[in-house]
Amino acid sequence: MSEVENNIAGNSAAADATAADATAAENVDVTEATPEASINDERAQRKARRQALLDAGVDPYPIKSTVTAHVAELEKRYADLEDGQTGEEVYSVAGRVRAIRNQGKIAFVVVEDYTGQIQLFCRINNLDEKNWELLGLLDLGDIIGATGAIMRTRRGQLSPGSHLAGGPLQVASSSA
């Protein structure tokens, strides 16, 4: 065999070894290497939250929900509402949960419908125990509804529902 043939054969063997290593790497279970990032863990967490909703007597997939206004409509209607003021009419809105910030006795939930985003301002002393516990079970991606009077927070955010008279929260669809 000539030197050229040996080099070709050697390179071929090296290529075969590299291909074998790559095949072995493909067969490694990634979930074993990074258990924190396992899709099964996320799925298990979502199933656990769904079961917690069921245990709390909440249907995670109700047949219907009530929507009396959309975000863009409320923004137009209450454009002149001053910071810290509350409107008199009660509205029901629904949308997908995009953010949840719990700060002890208050919680902020950003909900998005097809016209825009609005922030729910939830106070522990204005929600009944069932609705406050429901806030803890919410997950990003859930579709919820909230009912209540419209207010503008001190920071200028328009906010419906659950801040007055224990406005009810409703899970319209769980992401689980």
C-alpha atoms as a PDB file:
ATOM      1  CA  MET A   1       0.000   0.000   0.000  1.00  0.00           C
ATOM      2  CA  SER A   2       1.342   3.403  -0.901  1.00  0.00           C
ATOM      3  CA  GLU A   3       1.768   6.242   1.584  1.00  0.00           C
ATOM      4  CA  VAL A   4      -1.197   8.039   0.033  1.00  0.00           C
ATOM      5  CA  GLU A   5      -3.373   4.949   0.430  1.00  0.00           C
ATOM      6  CA  ASN A   6      -2.274   4.619   4.088  1.00  0.00           C
ATOM      7  CA  ASN A   7      -3.171   8.251   4.793  1.00  0.00           C
ATOM      8  CA  ILE A   8      -6.540   7.807   3.151  1.00  0.00           C
ATOM      9  CA  ALA A   9      -7.147   4.612   5.097  1.00  0.00           C
ATOM     10  CA  GLY A  10      -5.964   6.299   8.307  1.00  0.00           C
ATOM     11  CA  ASN A  11      -8.205   9.305   7.730  1.00  0.00           C
ATOM     12  CA  SER A  12     -11.077   6.972   6.967  1.00  0.00           C
ATOM     13  CA  ALA A  13     -10.516   5.149  10.251  1.00  0.00           C
ATOM     14  CA  ALA A  14     -10.351   8.480  12.087  1.00  0.00           C
ATOM     15  CA  ALA A  15     -13.557   9.577  10.388  1.00  0.00           C
ATOM     16  CA  ASP A  16     -15.215   6.283  11.374  1.00  0.00           C
ATOM     17  CA  ALA A  17     -14.106   6.787  14.993  1.00  0.00           C
ATOM     18  CA  THR A  18     -15.432  10.367  14.993  1.00  0.00           C
ATOM     19  CA  ALA A  19     -18.755   9.186  13.552  1.00  0.00           C
ATOM     20  CA  ALA A  20     -18.974   6.472  16.227  1.00  0.00           C
ATOM     21  CA  ASP A  21     -18.301   9.053  18.974  1.00  0.00           C
ATOM     22  CA  ALA A  22     -21.000  11.340  17.536  1.00  0.00           C
ATOM     23  CA  THR A  23     -23.488   8.453  17.409  1.00  0.00           C
ATOM     24  CA  ALA A  24     -22.687   7.568  21.026  1.00  0.00           C
ATOM     25  CA  ALA A  25     -23.154  11.221  22.032  1.00  0.00           C
ATOM     26  CA  GLU A  26     -26.555  11.278  20.308  1.00  0.00           C
ATOM     27  CA  ASN A  27     -27.654   8.268  22.361  1.00  0.00           C
ATOM     28  CA  VAL A  28     -26.851   9.957  25.690  1.00  0.00           C
ATOM     29  CA  ASP A  29     -29.984  10.946  27.617  1.00  0.00           C
ATOM     30  CA  VAL A  30     -29.737  14.726  28.024  1.00  0.00           C
ATOM     31  CA  THR A  31     -32.189  14.678  30.938  1.00  0.00           C
ATOM     32  CA  GLU A  32     -29.656  12.663  32.962  1.00  0.00           C
ATOM     33  CA  ALA A  33     -26.960  15.236  32.326  1.00  0.00           C
ATOM     34  CA  THR A  34     -29.140  18.246  33.198  1.00  0.00           C
ATOM     35  CA  PRO A  35     -32.044  17.237  35.479  1.00  0.00           C
ATOM     36  CA  GLU A  36     -32.980  20.898  36.141  1.00  0.00           C
ATOM     37  CA  ALA A  37     -33.745  21.432  32.461  1.00  0.00           C
ATOM     38  CA  SER A  38     -35.764  18.264  31.984  1.00  0.00           C
ATOM     39  CA  ILE A  39     -38.948  18.627  29.962  1.00  0.00           C
ATOM     40  CA  ASN A  40     -40.397  15.870  32.132  1.00  0.00           C
ATOM     41  CA  ASP A  41     -39.880  18.007  35.241  1.00  0.00           C
ATOM     42  CA  GLU A  42     -41.766  20.898  33.671  1.00  0.00           C
ATOM     43  CA  ARG A  43     -44.535  18.570  32.560  1.00  0.00           C
ATOM     44  CA  ALA A  44     -44.744  17.108  36.072  1.00  0.00           C
ATOM     45  CA  GLN A  45     -44.953  20.604  37.601  1.00  0.00           C
ATOM     46  CA  ARG A  46     -47.762  21.590  35.231  1.00  0.00           C
ATOM     47  CA  LYS A  47     -49.648  18.383  35.996  1.00  0.00           C
ATOM     48  CA  ALA A  48     -49.225  19.037  39.726  1.00  0.00           C
ATOM     49  CA  ARG A  49     -50.611  22.582  39.332  1.00  0.00           C
ATOM     50  CA  ARG A  50     -53.538  21.250  37.313  1.00  0.00           C
ATOM     51  CA  GLN A  51     -54.254  18.707  40.051  1.00  0.00           C
ATOM     52  CA  ALA A  52     -54.008  21.451  42.696  1.00  0.00           C
ATOM     53  CA  LEU A  53     -56.647  23.440  40.765  1.00  0.00           C
ATOM     54  CA  LEU A  54     -58.887  20.379  40.642  1.00  0.00           C
ATOM     55  CA  ASP A  55     -58.341  19.740  44.374  1.00  0.00           C
ATOM     56  CA  ALA A  56     -59.296  23.369  45.085  1.00  0.00           C
ATOM     57  CA  GLY A  57     -62.579  22.867  43.208  1.00  0.00           C
ATOM     58  CA  VAL A  58     -61.522  24.933  40.172  1.00  0.00           C
ATOM     59  CA  ASP A  59     -62.228  23.597  36.685  1.00  0.00           C
ATOM     60  CA  PRO A  60     -58.990  24.202  34.739  1.00  0.00           C
ATOM     61  CA  TYR A  61     -60.916  24.016  31.437  1.00  0.00           C
ATOM     62  CA  PRO A  62     -64.352  25.628  31.934  1.00  0.00           C
ATOM     63  CA  ILE A  63     -66.941  25.520  29.182  1.00  0.00           C
ATOM     64  CA  LYS A  64     -67.483  29.283  29.088  1.00  0.00           C
ATOM     65  CA  SER A  65     -66.260  32.546  30.524  1.00  0.00           C
ATOM     66  CA  THR A  66     -67.626  36.064  30.510  1.00  0.00           C
ATOM     67  CA  VAL A  67     -65.825  38.964  28.846  1.00  0.00           C
ATOM     68  CA  THR A  68     -67.501  42.370  28.896  1.00  0.00           C
ATOM     69  CA  ALA A  69     -64.539  44.460  27.682  1.00  0.00           C
ATOM     70  CA  HIS A  70     -61.184  44.186  25.943  1.00  0.00           C
ATOM     71  CA  VAL A  71     -57.951  45.949  26.906  1.00  0.00           C
ATOM     72  CA  ALA A  72     -57.907  48.515  24.066  1.00  0.00           C
ATOM     73  CA  GLU A  73     -61.524  49.421  24.788  1.00  0.00           C
ATOM     74  CA  LEU A  74     -60.781  50.003  28.486  1.00  0.00           C
ATOM     75  CA  GLU A  75     -57.680  52.059  27.705  1.00  0.00           C
ATOM     76  CA  LYS A  76     -59.745  54.396  25.506  1.00  0.00           C
ATOM     77  CA  ARG A  77     -62.624  54.598  27.966  1.00  0.00           C
ATOM     78  CA  TYR A  78     -60.396  55.338  30.970  1.00  0.00           C
ATOM     79  CA  ALA A  79     -57.633  57.391  29.335  1.00  0.00           C
ATOM     80  CA  ASP A  80     -58.535  60.380  31.538  1.00  0.00           C
ATOM     81  CA  LEU A  81     -58.705  58.443  34.827  1.00  0.00           C
ATOM     82  CA  GLU A  82     -56.178  59.940  37.242  1.00  0.00           C
ATOM     83  CA  ASP A  83     -53.571  57.925  39.136  1.00  0.00           C
ATOM     84  CA  GLY A  84     -55.041  56.327  42.254  1.00  0.00           C
ATOM     85  CA  GLN A  85     -58.647  56.806  41.075  1.00  0.00           C
ATOM     86  CA  THR A  86     -61.238  54.075  40.515  1.00  0.00           C
ATOM     87  CA  GLY A  87     -64.045  53.962  37.969  1.00  0.00           C
ATOM     88  CA  GLU A  88     -67.593  53.052  38.926  1.00  0.00           C
ATOM     89  CA  GLU A  89     -68.468  50.413  36.324  1.00  0.00           C
ATOM     90  CA  VAL A  90     -67.513  46.752  36.746  1.00  0.00           C
ATOM     91  CA  TYR A  91     -65.981  44.847  33.816  1.00  0.00           C
ATOM     92  CA  SER A  92     -64.884  41.296  33.115  1.00  0.00           C
ATOM     93  CA  VAL A  93     -61.703  40.772  31.135  1.00  0.00           C
ATOM     94  CA  ALA A  94     -59.868  37.619  30.112  1.00  0.00           C
ATOM     95  CA  GLY A  95     -56.506  36.812  28.635  1.00  0.00           C
ATOM     96  CA  ARG A  96     -53.320  34.807  28.807  1.00  0.00           C
ATOM     97  CA  VAL A  97     -51.073  35.250  31.866  1.00  0.00           C
ATOM     98  CA  ARG A  98     -47.799  36.816  30.682  1.00  0.00           C
ATOM     99  CA  ALA A  99     -46.221  37.724  34.052  1.00  0.00           C
ATOM    100  CA  ILE A 100     -46.868  37.156  37.749  1.00  0.00           C
ATOM    101  CA  ARG A 101     -45.210  39.222  40.477  1.00  0.00           C
ATOM    102  CA  ASN A 102     -46.141  38.383  44.045  1.00  0.00           C
ATOM    103  CA  GLN A 103     -44.995  40.906  46.637  1.00  0.00           C
ATOM    104  CA  GLY A 104     -46.349  39.631  49.924  1.00  0.00           C
ATOM    105  CA  LYS A 105     -49.834  41.058  50.428  1.00  0.00           C
ATOM    106  CA  ILE A 106     -50.227  42.258  46.848  1.00  0.00           C
ATOM    107  CA  ALA A 107     -49.758  40.548  43.506  1.00  0.00           C
ATOM    108  CA  PHE A 108     -49.544  41.820  39.957  1.00  0.00           C
ATOM    109  CA  VAL A 109     -50.665  39.623  37.078  1.00  0.00           C
ATOM    110  CA  VAL A 110     -50.118  40.834  33.514  1.00  0.00           C
ATOM    111  CA  VAL A 111     -52.886  39.510  31.273  1.00  0.00           C
ATOM    112  CA  GLU A 112     -52.887  39.797  27.487  1.00  0.00           C
ATOM    113  CA  ASP A 113     -55.908  39.602  25.202  1.00  0.00           C
ATOM    114  CA  TYR A 114     -55.846  40.109  21.451  1.00  0.00           C
ATOM    115  CA  THR A 115     -55.941  43.915  21.815  1.00  0.00           C
ATOM    116  CA  GLY A 116     -53.129  44.402  24.345  1.00  0.00           C
ATOM    117  CA  GLN A 117     -51.913  43.854  27.894  1.00  0.00           C
ATOM    118  CA  ILE A 118     -53.359  44.943  31.208  1.00  0.00           C
ATOM    119  CA  GLN A 119     -52.138  44.425  34.755  1.00  0.00           C
ATOM    120  CA  LEU A 120     -54.351  42.964  37.485  1.00  0.00           C
ATOM    121  CA  PHE A 121     -53.656  44.555  40.858  1.00  0.00           C
ATOM    122  CA  CYS A 122     -54.610  42.051  43.560  1.00  0.00           C
ATOM    123  CA  ARG A 123     -54.610  42.823  47.288  1.00  0.00           C
ATOM    124  CA  ILE A 124     -54.896  40.106  49.913  1.00  0.00           C
ATOM    125  CA  ASN A 125     -57.400  42.126  51.969  1.00  0.00           C
ATOM    126  CA  ASN A 126     -59.706  42.628  48.953  1.00  0.00           C
ATOM    127  CA  LEU A 127     -59.803  39.023  47.763  1.00  0.00           C
ATOM    128  CA  ASP A 128     -61.462  36.142  49.494  1.00  0.00           C
ATOM    129  CA  GLU A 129     -59.214  33.284  50.598  1.00  0.00           C
ATOM    130  CA  LYS A 130     -60.132  31.059  47.625  1.00  0.00           C
ATOM    131  CA  ASN A 131     -59.179  33.702  45.053  1.00  0.00           C
ATOM    132  CA  TRP A 132     -55.929  34.574  46.850  1.00  0.00           C
ATOM    133  CA  GLU A 133     -54.961  30.889  46.854  1.00  0.00           C
ATOM    134  CA  LEU A 134     -55.905  30.677  43.169  1.00  0.00           C
ATOM    135  CA  LEU A 135     -53.294  33.369  42.441  1.00  0.00           C
ATOM    136  CA  GLY A 136     -50.639  31.045  43.843  1.00  0.00           C
ATOM    137  CA  LEU A 137     -51.702  28.276  41.477  1.00  0.00           C
ATOM    138  CA  LEU A 138     -51.501  30.368  38.314  1.00  0.00           C
ATOM    139  CA  ASP A 139     -48.826  29.621  35.776  1.00  0.00           C
ATOM    140  CA  LEU A 140     -47.507  31.555  32.794  1.00  0.00           C
ATOM    141  CA  GLY A 141     -49.655  30.711  29.803  1.00  0.00           C
ATOM    142  CA  ASP A 142     -52.852  30.102  31.778  1.00  0.00           C
ATOM    143  CA  ILE A 143     -55.885  31.925  30.456  1.00  0.00           C
ATOM    144  CA  ILE A 144     -57.775  33.662  33.246  1.00  0.00           C
ATOM    145  CA  GLY A 145     -60.668  36.024  33.702  1.00  0.00           C
ATOM    146  CA  ALA A 146     -61.050  38.779  36.291  1.00  0.00           C
ATOM    147  CA  THR A 147     -64.005  40.929  37.244  1.00  0.00           C
ATOM    148  CA  GLY A 148     -64.004  44.263  39.013  1.00  0.00           C
ATOM    149  CA  ALA A 149     -64.029  48.013  38.720  1.00  0.00           C
ATOM    150  CA  ILE A 150     -61.288  49.702  36.707  1.00  0.00           C
ATOM    151  CA  MET A 151     -58.649  51.686  38.550  1.00  0.00           C
ATOM    152  CA  ARG A 152     -55.425  53.402  37.709  1.00  0.00           C
ATOM    153  CA  THR A 153     -52.599  52.552  40.101  1.00  0.00           C
ATOM    154  CA  ARG A 154     -50.386  55.216  41.670  1.00  0.00           C
ATOM    155  CA  ARG A 155     -47.806  54.415  38.975  1.00  0.00           C
ATOM    156  CA  GLY A 156     -50.328  54.988  36.194  1.00  0.00           C
ATOM    157  CA  GLN A 157     -51.145  51.382  35.255  1.00  0.00           C
ATOM    158  CA  LEU A 158     -54.755  50.693  34.283  1.00  0.00           C
ATOM    159  CA  SER A 159     -55.989  47.722  36.288  1.00  0.00           C
ATOM    160  CA  PRO A 160     -59.281  45.819  36.311  1.00  0.00           C
ATOM    161  CA  GLY A 161     -60.728  43.225  38.603  1.00  0.00           C
ATOM    162  CA  SER A 162     -59.780  41.641  41.844  1.00  0.00           C
ATOM    163  CA  HIS A 163     -58.749  44.808  43.687  1.00  0.00           C
ATOM    164  CA  LEU A 164     -62.237  45.825  44.816  1.00  0.00           C
ATOM    165  CA  ALA A 165     -64.982  43.900  46.565  1.00  0.00           C
ATOM    166  CA  GLY A 166     -63.200  40.582  46.161  1.00  0.00           C
ATOM    167  CA  GLY A 167     -63.597  40.566  42.393  1.00  0.00           C
ATOM    168  CA  PRO A 168     -63.568  36.959  41.304  1.00  0.00           C
ATOM    169  CA  LEU A 169     -60.773  35.343  39.365  1.00  0.00           C
ATOM    170  CA  GLN A 170     -61.519  32.487  37.010  1.00  0.00           C
ATOM    171  CA  VAL A 171     -59.167  30.128  35.262  1.00  0.00           C
ATOM    172  CA  ALA A 172     -60.417  29.927  31.684  1.00  0.00           C
ATOM    173  CA  SER A 173     -57.785  27.415  30.560  1.00  0.00           C
ATOM    174  CA  SER A 174     -54.799  25.929  32.311  1.00  0.00           C
ATOM    175  CA  SER A 175     -51.507  25.614  30.460  1.00  0.00           C
ATOM    176  CA  ALA A 176     -51.074  22.149  31.964  1.00  0.00           C
END
